[in-house]
Amino acid sequence: MNTSEFDYNLPKELIAQKPIEPRELSRMLVVDRSTRKFTEARARDIITLLKPGDVLVRNVSRVFNARLRGWKKVEEARDRKGGGDCEVLVTKFLHEIPGGEVSLPRSQWEVLIKPGKKFHEGDDIYFGNLNVDSFGGGVSATVMKKHEDGVVEVQFNVEKQFVFDLCEAFGEVPVPPYVEKVPDNLEDYQNVYARELGSAAAPTAGFHFSENLLALCESHGIQFADVVLDVGIGTFRPMKGDAVEEHEMHAERVSIDQENIEKILQAHVNGNRVIAVGTTTVRVLEGVYQKMGALVPYEGDVNLFIKPGFEFKVIDGLMTNFHLPKSTLLVLVSAFGGQELIKMAYDFAVKEKYRFYSFGDAMLIL
């Protein structure tokens, strides 16, 4: 399967630069897989498109200020002199390293460094002094391993929570490169229901929900189940080879518990539908099912690459955004909706000037 099959032409002016307010007024293209017809709606119309007892499954991972400036010299980092020697995008927590008699606890992470060629294994990157409760001092990371695909494993001299504290104090909102202006407020790049800190990018299908729309869904008998996928390289890395099968998905941390599994299973028992809010949610549900042979409580890594021909076991519908050409997300949507039908839907959306990508409009596939 060639990656060119998932390419399309998009005028630059259709790339949304900021979210619609209120969020539920985003346009939504409803794609019916059985009739192969399109219906134009708004995100708030989901309360009439779904039935009481249907379950919306959402990814409640929360974005942190994952983009940091780093320095080669500790004194320059301490004074935050200039713009730094590099940009470090913190993408995935790996594990904690216990402290000893003469060492504090540390933590290992995956990051992307730009420019990566300036740093080699064994080099230190300094981020300046962090003054928070229980810790006051300089934070640094040592380059432990560089992978051929550009991913770098680093060891911070502080534990996991202090890395998040560092990002909160000095980090920048990790918006995609096609967003020209970084939001002043991280909440503009956050789902209203986000609560579990850990994502280096937002699971953006949830942008179409406001507190008001969540309440309206519940008042109409639509239920919510929650999962977590900490968005990282696996979500936003593009396919580079000629063949889709050549792309290697990076693993991302996911979790799902028994309480939310029971909501999903009960919906199917009752003849109701399970609708995933976003491709990350799909990868949690279908990834856990494929890995474990059933939908069971799970916390760990998933690297499932869903391509056309995949047999979906859990979801009955998908609410998603309009994704980048040649992206694994578009491949996943094509696998669920049908490659030809999704291509027709994208052509329709371009013609009708829908807003694309993270801050853009929605698609509901039923």
Protein backbone atom coordinates (compact mmCIF):
# COMPACT_ATOMS: atom_id res chain seq x y z
CA MET A 1 0.00 0.00 0.00
CA ASN A 2 1.61 3.26 -1.14
CA THR A 3 1.68 6.34 1.09
CA SER A 4 0.65 8.42 -1.95
CA GLU A 5 -2.82 6.84 -1.65
CA PHE A 6 -3.28 8.94 1.50
CA ASP A 7 -2.23 12.25 -0.02
CA TYR A 8 -4.51 15.13 -0.96
CA ASN A 9 -4.23 18.79 -1.89
CA LEU A 10 -5.20 21.31 0.78
CA PRO A 11 -5.22 25.08 0.28
CA LYS A 12 -3.19 26.71 3.05
CA GLU A 13 -6.07 28.99 4.01
CA LEU A 14 -8.09 25.96 5.17
CA ILE A 15 -5.56 25.17 7.93
CA ALA A 16 -7.25 26.45 11.10
CA GLN A 17 -5.07 28.73 13.23
CA LYS A 18 -7.29 28.96 16.29
CA PRO A 19 -10.34 27.17 17.67
CA ILE A 20 -13.93 28.22 17.09
CA GLU A 21 -15.64 29.75 20.10
CA PRO A 22 -17.85 28.34 21.44
CA ARG A 23 -16.26 25.04 20.53
CA GLU A 24 -19.49 23.14 19.89
CA LEU A 25 -20.25 25.40 16.91
CA SER A 26 -17.53 23.74 14.84
CA ARG A 27 -18.83 22.30 11.61
CA MET A 28 -19.11 18.51 11.56
CA LEU A 29 -19.31 16.31 8.49
CA VAL A 30 -21.34 13.18 9.27
CA VAL A 31 -20.27 10.17 7.18
CA ASP A 32 -22.68 7.23 7.02
CA ARG A 33 -20.77 4.08 6.09
CA SER A 34 -23.88 2.10 5.20
CA THR A 35 -25.51 4.65 2.87
CA ARG A 36 -22.20 6.26 1.84
CA LYS A 37 -23.84 9.66 2.22
CA PHE A 38 -22.61 12.87 3.85
CA THR A 39 -24.63 15.16 6.10
CA GLU A 40 -23.49 18.59 7.25
CA ALA A 41 -23.98 19.40 10.92
CA ARG A 42 -22.42 21.15 13.90
CA ALA A 43 -20.53 19.45 16.72
CA ARG A 44 -23.39 20.23 19.12
CA ASP A 45 -25.71 18.13 16.92
CA ILE A 46 -24.09 15.03 18.33
CA ILE A 47 -26.84 15.03 20.98
CA THR A 48 -29.38 14.22 18.24
CA LEU A 49 -27.12 12.01 16.12
CA LEU A 50 -26.46 9.62 19.02
CA LYS A 51 -29.05 7.75 21.05
CA PRO A 52 -29.54 7.43 24.82
CA GLY A 53 -27.25 4.67 26.03
CA ASP A 54 -24.60 5.27 23.40
CA VAL A 55 -21.13 5.75 24.90
CA LEU A 56 -18.59 8.39 23.89
CA VAL A 57 -15.10 7.23 24.83
CA ARG A 58 -12.65 10.11 25.34
CA ASN A 59 -8.92 10.40 25.97
CA VAL A 60 -8.50 12.43 29.18
CA SER A 61 -4.73 12.89 28.86
CA ARG A 62 -3.64 16.46 29.57
CA VAL A 63 -1.04 18.41 27.60
CA PHE A 64 1.96 19.88 29.41
CA ASN A 65 4.32 22.64 28.23
CA ALA A 66 6.58 20.07 26.63
CA ARG A 67 8.84 22.36 24.57
CA LEU A 68 11.94 23.47 26.52
CA ARG A 69 14.96 25.63 25.76
CA GLY A 70 18.31 24.09 26.69
CA TRP A 71 21.88 25.34 27.08
CA LYS A 72 25.31 23.72 26.85
CA LYS A 73 26.74 25.89 29.63
CA VAL A 74 25.26 25.75 33.09
CA GLU A 75 25.92 29.44 33.85
CA GLU A 76 24.05 30.53 30.70
CA ALA A 77 21.14 28.27 31.59
CA ARG A 78 21.03 29.67 35.12
CA ASP A 79 20.69 33.20 33.71
CA ARG A 80 18.52 31.97 30.80
CA LYS A 81 20.88 33.82 28.48
CA GLY A 82 19.57 34.21 24.93
CA GLY A 83 17.29 31.65 23.35
CA GLY A 84 19.34 28.64 24.31
CA ASP A 85 21.46 26.25 22.25
CA CYS A 86 18.66 23.83 21.46
CA GLU A 87 14.97 23.08 21.66
CA VAL A 88 13.96 19.93 23.53
CA LEU A 89 10.49 18.46 23.00
CA VAL A 90 9.75 16.11 25.90
CA THR A 91 7.66 13.33 24.35
CA LYS A 92 7.52 10.29 26.65
CA PHE A 93 8.28 9.33 30.24
CA LEU A 94 10.14 6.01 30.37
CA HIS A 95 10.89 5.17 34.00
CA GLU A 96 12.09 6.44 37.37
CA ILE A 97 15.60 5.75 38.68
CA PRO A 98 15.68 5.41 42.48
CA GLY A 99 18.08 7.58 44.44
CA GLY A 100 20.92 6.18 46.52
CA GLU A 101 22.84 7.30 49.55
CA VAL A 102 24.60 10.04 47.60
CA SER A 103 22.19 10.57 44.68
CA LEU A 104 18.67 11.90 44.26
CA PRO A 105 15.96 10.07 42.27
CA ARG A 106 16.21 10.66 38.52
CA SER A 107 14.02 9.91 35.52
CA GLN A 108 14.49 8.68 31.95
CA TRP A 109 12.55 10.18 29.02
CA GLU A 110 12.30 10.17 25.25
CA VAL A 111 12.78 13.58 23.65
CA LEU A 112 13.36 15.23 20.30
CA ILE A 113 16.26 17.69 20.15
CA LYS A 114 16.62 20.44 17.56
CA PRO A 115 19.33 20.71 16.32
CA GLY A 116 20.13 17.16 17.34
CA LYS A 117 23.57 17.09 15.69
CA LYS A 118 24.96 19.45 18.33
CA PHE A 119 24.54 16.89 21.10
CA HIS A 120 26.14 13.47 21.50
CA GLU A 121 25.78 10.61 23.92
CA GLY A 122 27.17 11.69 27.28
CA ASP A 123 26.54 15.41 26.70
CA ASP A 124 24.61 17.40 29.28
CA ILE A 125 21.81 19.87 28.52
CA TYR A 126 21.07 22.50 31.17
CA PHE A 127 17.67 24.08 31.75
CA GLY A 128 18.24 26.51 34.60
CA ASN A 129 17.26 26.65 38.25
CA LEU A 130 13.91 25.27 39.36
CA ASN A 131 12.65 26.67 42.65
CA VAL A 132 9.62 24.69 43.81
CA ASP A 133 8.62 22.99 47.03
CA SER A 134 11.00 20.12 47.91
CA PHE A 135 13.50 21.08 45.23
CA GLY A 136 15.62 24.09 44.56
CA GLY A 137 18.49 23.89 42.14
CA GLY A 138 19.56 23.38 38.58
CA VAL A 139 17.88 20.87 36.27
CA SER A 140 19.88 19.08 33.59
CA ALA A 141 19.54 16.08 31.30
CA THR A 142 22.26 13.74 30.04
CA VAL A 143 22.01 12.30 26.53
CA MET A 144 22.00 8.52 27.04
CA LYS A 145 21.15 7.15 23.61
CA LYS A 146 20.48 8.54 20.14
CA HIS A 147 18.30 6.50 17.79
CA GLU A 148 18.57 6.56 14.01
CA ASP A 149 15.03 7.95 13.69
CA GLY A 150 15.95 11.07 15.68
CA VAL A 151 14.50 9.99 19.02
CA VAL A 152 16.85 10.68 21.94
CA GLU A 153 16.78 9.05 25.36
CA VAL A 154 17.86 11.40 28.13
CA GLN A 155 18.23 11.09 31.87
CA PHE A 156 17.06 14.09 33.90
CA ASN A 157 18.76 14.69 37.22
CA VAL A 158 15.31 15.00 38.85
CA GLU A 159 12.32 12.69 39.17
CA LYS A 160 9.23 12.70 36.97
CA GLN A 161 7.17 15.29 38.84
CA PHE A 162 10.02 17.80 38.82
CA VAL A 163 10.32 17.45 35.03
CA PHE A 164 6.65 18.41 34.80
CA ASP A 165 7.34 21.29 37.21
CA LEU A 166 10.22 22.40 34.98
CA CYS A 167 7.96 22.36 31.94
CA GLU A 168 5.26 24.29 33.78
CA ALA A 169 7.78 26.94 34.84
CA PHE A 170 9.80 27.34 31.63
CA GLY A 171 8.17 25.29 28.87
CA GLU A 172 6.18 26.43 25.87
CA VAL A 173 2.86 25.16 24.52
CA PRO A 174 3.80 22.36 22.07
CA VAL A 175 1.51 23.37 19.19
CA PRO A 176 2.12 21.76 15.77
CA PRO A 177 4.41 23.59 13.29
CA TYR A 178 1.50 24.56 11.04
CA VAL A 179 0.00 26.74 13.83
CA GLU A 180 1.60 30.13 13.23
CA LYS A 181 0.86 31.74 16.60
CA VAL A 182 1.38 29.90 19.87
CA PRO A 183 -1.66 30.37 22.14
CA ASP A 184 -1.04 32.63 25.12
CA ASN A 185 -2.93 30.19 27.31
CA LEU A 186 -2.31 26.42 27.42
CA GLU A 187 -6.07 25.94 27.98
CA ASP A 188 -6.64 26.97 24.35
CA TYR A 189 -4.71 23.81 23.39
CA GLN A 190 -6.44 21.58 25.91
CA ASN A 191 -9.62 19.52 26.11
CA VAL A 192 -12.08 20.73 28.74
CA TYR A 193 -12.16 17.24 30.25
CA ALA A 194 -8.36 16.71 30.24
CA ARG A 195 -6.98 15.70 33.65
CA GLU A 196 -4.11 13.14 33.43
CA LEU A 197 -0.87 15.05 32.75
CA GLY A 198 1.37 13.43 30.15
CA SER A 199 0.76 14.46 26.51
CA ALA A 200 3.21 16.34 24.30
CA ALA A 201 0.36 17.19 21.90
CA ALA A 202 -3.39 17.45 22.31
CA PRO A 203 -5.84 14.70 21.34
CA THR A 204 -7.68 17.29 19.29
CA ALA A 205 -10.98 15.56 18.48
CA GLY A 206 -12.06 16.61 21.96
CA PHE A 207 -11.65 20.31 21.10
CA HIS A 208 -15.26 20.31 19.88
CA PHE A 209 -16.65 19.72 23.37
CA SER A 210 -17.41 22.51 25.83
CA GLU A 211 -18.65 22.11 29.38
CA ASN A 212 -22.08 23.00 28.03
CA LEU A 213 -22.02 20.28 25.37
CA LEU A 214 -20.81 17.69 27.88
CA ALA A 215 -23.79 18.54 30.09
CA LEU A 216 -26.19 18.39 27.13
CA CYS A 217 -24.89 14.94 26.17
CA GLU A 218 -25.47 13.65 29.70
CA SER A 219 -28.96 15.17 29.82
CA HIS A 220 -29.79 13.27 26.60
CA GLY A 221 -28.65 9.96 28.11
CA ILE A 222 -25.32 9.80 26.27
CA GLN A 223 -22.66 8.31 28.52
CA PHE A 224 -18.92 8.91 28.76
CA ALA A 225 -16.10 6.43 29.31
CA ASP A 226 -12.54 7.59 29.84
CA VAL A 227 -9.18 6.22 28.73
CA VAL A 228 -5.66 7.65 28.64
CA LEU A 229 -3.13 7.78 25.82
CA ASP A 230 -0.22 10.14 26.41
CA VAL A 231 0.24 11.63 22.96
CA GLY A 232 3.80 11.47 21.67
CA ILE A 233 5.80 10.54 18.62
CA GLY A 234 3.53 7.65 17.69
CA THR A 235 0.68 10.08 17.02
CA PHE A 236 2.35 12.96 15.22
CA ARG A 237 5.29 11.43 13.34
CA PRO A 238 4.56 11.38 9.56
CA MET A 239 5.13 8.44 7.25
CA LYS A 240 8.32 8.95 5.22
CA GLY A 241 8.71 5.83 3.10
CA ASP A 242 6.93 4.94 -0.14
CA ALA A 243 5.07 2.03 1.44
CA VAL A 244 2.70 2.38 4.37
CA GLU A 245 3.94 -0.94 5.74
CA GLU A 246 7.47 0.50 6.12
CA HIS A 247 6.35 2.91 8.82
CA GLU A 248 7.20 1.93 12.37
CA MET A 249 4.79 3.17 15.05
CA HIS A 250 6.36 4.42 18.25
CA ALA A 251 4.82 3.05 21.42
CA GLU A 252 2.77 5.38 23.61
CA ARG A 253 1.60 4.85 27.18
CA VAL A 254 -2.07 3.98 27.57
CA SER A 255 -4.37 2.98 30.41
CA ILE A 256 -7.95 1.81 30.83
CA ASP A 257 -9.63 0.60 34.01
CA GLN A 258 -12.43 -1.84 34.83
CA GLU A 259 -15.06 0.82 35.56
CA ASN A 260 -14.77 2.32 32.08
CA ILE A 261 -14.51 -1.08 30.41
CA GLU A 262 -17.82 -2.06 31.99
CA LYS A 263 -19.53 1.01 30.49
CA ILE A 264 -18.28 -0.01 27.04
CA LEU A 265 -19.19 -3.67 27.36
CA GLN A 266 -22.63 -2.85 28.79
CA ALA A 267 -23.36 -0.55 25.85
CA HIS A 268 -22.81 -3.45 23.45
CA VAL A 269 -24.91 -5.79 25.58
CA ASN A 270 -27.74 -3.24 25.44
CA GLY A 271 -27.44 -2.82 21.68
CA ASN A 272 -25.95 0.67 21.92
CA ARG A 273 -22.95 2.09 20.11
CA VAL A 274 -19.43 2.86 21.30
CA ILE A 275 -18.12 6.04 19.67
CA ALA A 276 -14.43 6.88 20.00
CA VAL A 277 -13.58 10.57 20.35
CA GLY A 278 -10.34 10.73 18.40
CA THR A 279 -7.84 8.37 16.85
CA THR A 280 -5.86 8.11 20.10
CA THR A 281 -8.93 6.66 21.80
CA VAL A 282 -9.29 4.14 18.97
CA ARG A 283 -5.70 3.00 19.48
CA VAL A 284 -6.29 2.49 23.19
CA LEU A 285 -9.43 0.40 22.74
CA GLU A 286 -8.38 -1.64 19.71
CA GLY A 287 -4.75 -1.81 20.83
CA VAL A 288 -5.60 -3.29 24.23
CA TYR A 289 -8.08 -5.71 22.63
CA GLN A 290 -5.49 -6.91 20.11
CA LYS A 291 -2.71 -7.17 22.69
CA MET A 292 -4.73 -8.89 25.42
CA GLY A 293 -7.32 -10.77 23.35
CA ALA A 294 -10.15 -8.92 25.11
CA LEU A 295 -10.94 -5.52 26.55
CA VAL A 296 -9.42 -5.81 30.04
CA PRO A 297 -7.80 -3.36 32.49
CA TYR A 298 -4.39 -2.42 31.16
CA GLU A 299 -1.60 0.07 31.71
CA GLY A 300 1.43 0.01 29.48
CA ASP A 301 2.63 0.68 25.96
CA VAL A 302 0.66 0.27 22.74
CA ASN A 303 2.15 0.73 19.25
CA LEU A 304 -0.74 -0.49 17.09
CA PHE A 305 -0.69 0.83 13.51
CA ILE A 306 -4.24 0.53 12.17
CA LYS A 307 -4.34 0.22 8.39
CA PRO A 308 -7.05 -0.65 5.85
CA GLY A 309 -8.02 -4.28 6.31
CA PHE A 310 -7.91 -4.02 10.11
CA GLU A 311 -10.84 -5.74 11.86
CA PHE A 312 -12.30 -3.41 14.50
CA LYS A 313 -13.47 -5.21 17.63
CA VAL A 314 -14.59 -2.42 19.96
CA ILE A 315 -15.72 0.80 18.29
CA ASP A 316 -18.90 1.40 16.29
CA GLY A 317 -18.22 5.02 15.39
CA LEU A 318 -15.49 7.65 15.36
CA MET A 319 -15.50 11.39 15.93
CA THR A 320 -12.29 12.90 14.62
CA ASN A 321 -10.69 15.92 12.95
CA PHE A 322 -9.44 16.30 9.37
CA HIS A 323 -5.86 15.04 9.41
CA LEU A 324 -2.62 15.78 7.59
CA PRO A 325 -1.86 14.10 4.26
CA LYS A 326 0.24 10.93 4.50
CA SER A 327 -0.32 10.69 8.25
CA THR A 328 -0.93 7.52 10.23
CA LEU A 329 -4.08 9.21 11.55
CA LEU A 330 -5.55 9.51 8.06
CA VAL A 331 -4.63 5.87 7.44
CA LEU A 332 -6.52 4.87 10.60
CA VAL A 333 -9.60 6.89 9.64
CA SER A 334 -9.50 5.32 6.16
CA ALA A 335 -9.33 1.87 7.74
CA PHE A 336 -12.50 2.55 9.72
CA GLY A 337 -14.52 4.52 7.18
CA GLY A 338 -13.28 2.83 4.03
CA GLN A 339 -10.48 4.25 1.94
CA GLU A 340 -12.61 5.35 -1.02
CA LEU A 341 -15.37 6.84 1.14
CA ILE A 342 -12.93 8.84 3.28
CA LYS A 343 -11.20 10.17 0.18
CA MET A 344 -14.59 11.34 -1.09
CA ALA A 345 -15.31 12.93 2.31
CA TYR A 346 -12.01 14.84 2.27
CA ASP A 347 -12.62 16.05 -1.28
CA PHE A 348 -16.07 17.23 -0.17
CA ALA A 349 -14.63 18.97 2.90
CA VAL A 350 -12.01 20.82 0.82
CA LYS A 351 -14.65 21.90 -1.70
CA GLU A 352 -16.96 23.15 1.06
CA LYS A 353 -14.08 24.92 2.84
CA TYR A 354 -14.10 23.02 6.11
CA ARG A 355 -11.35 23.97 8.56
CA PHE A 356 -8.54 21.38 8.79
CA TYR A 357 -6.10 19.97 11.37
CA SER A 358 -5.87 20.51 15.13
CA PHE A 359 -8.07 23.60 15.50
CA GLY A 360 -10.30 22.63 12.60
CA ASP A 361 -13.73 21.09 12.12
CA ALA A 362 -14.95 17.59 12.94
CA MET A 363 -15.96 14.43 11.14
CA LEU A 364 -18.34 11.87 12.64
CA ILE A 365 -18.18 8.44 11.03
CA LEU A 366 -21.09 6.12 11.86
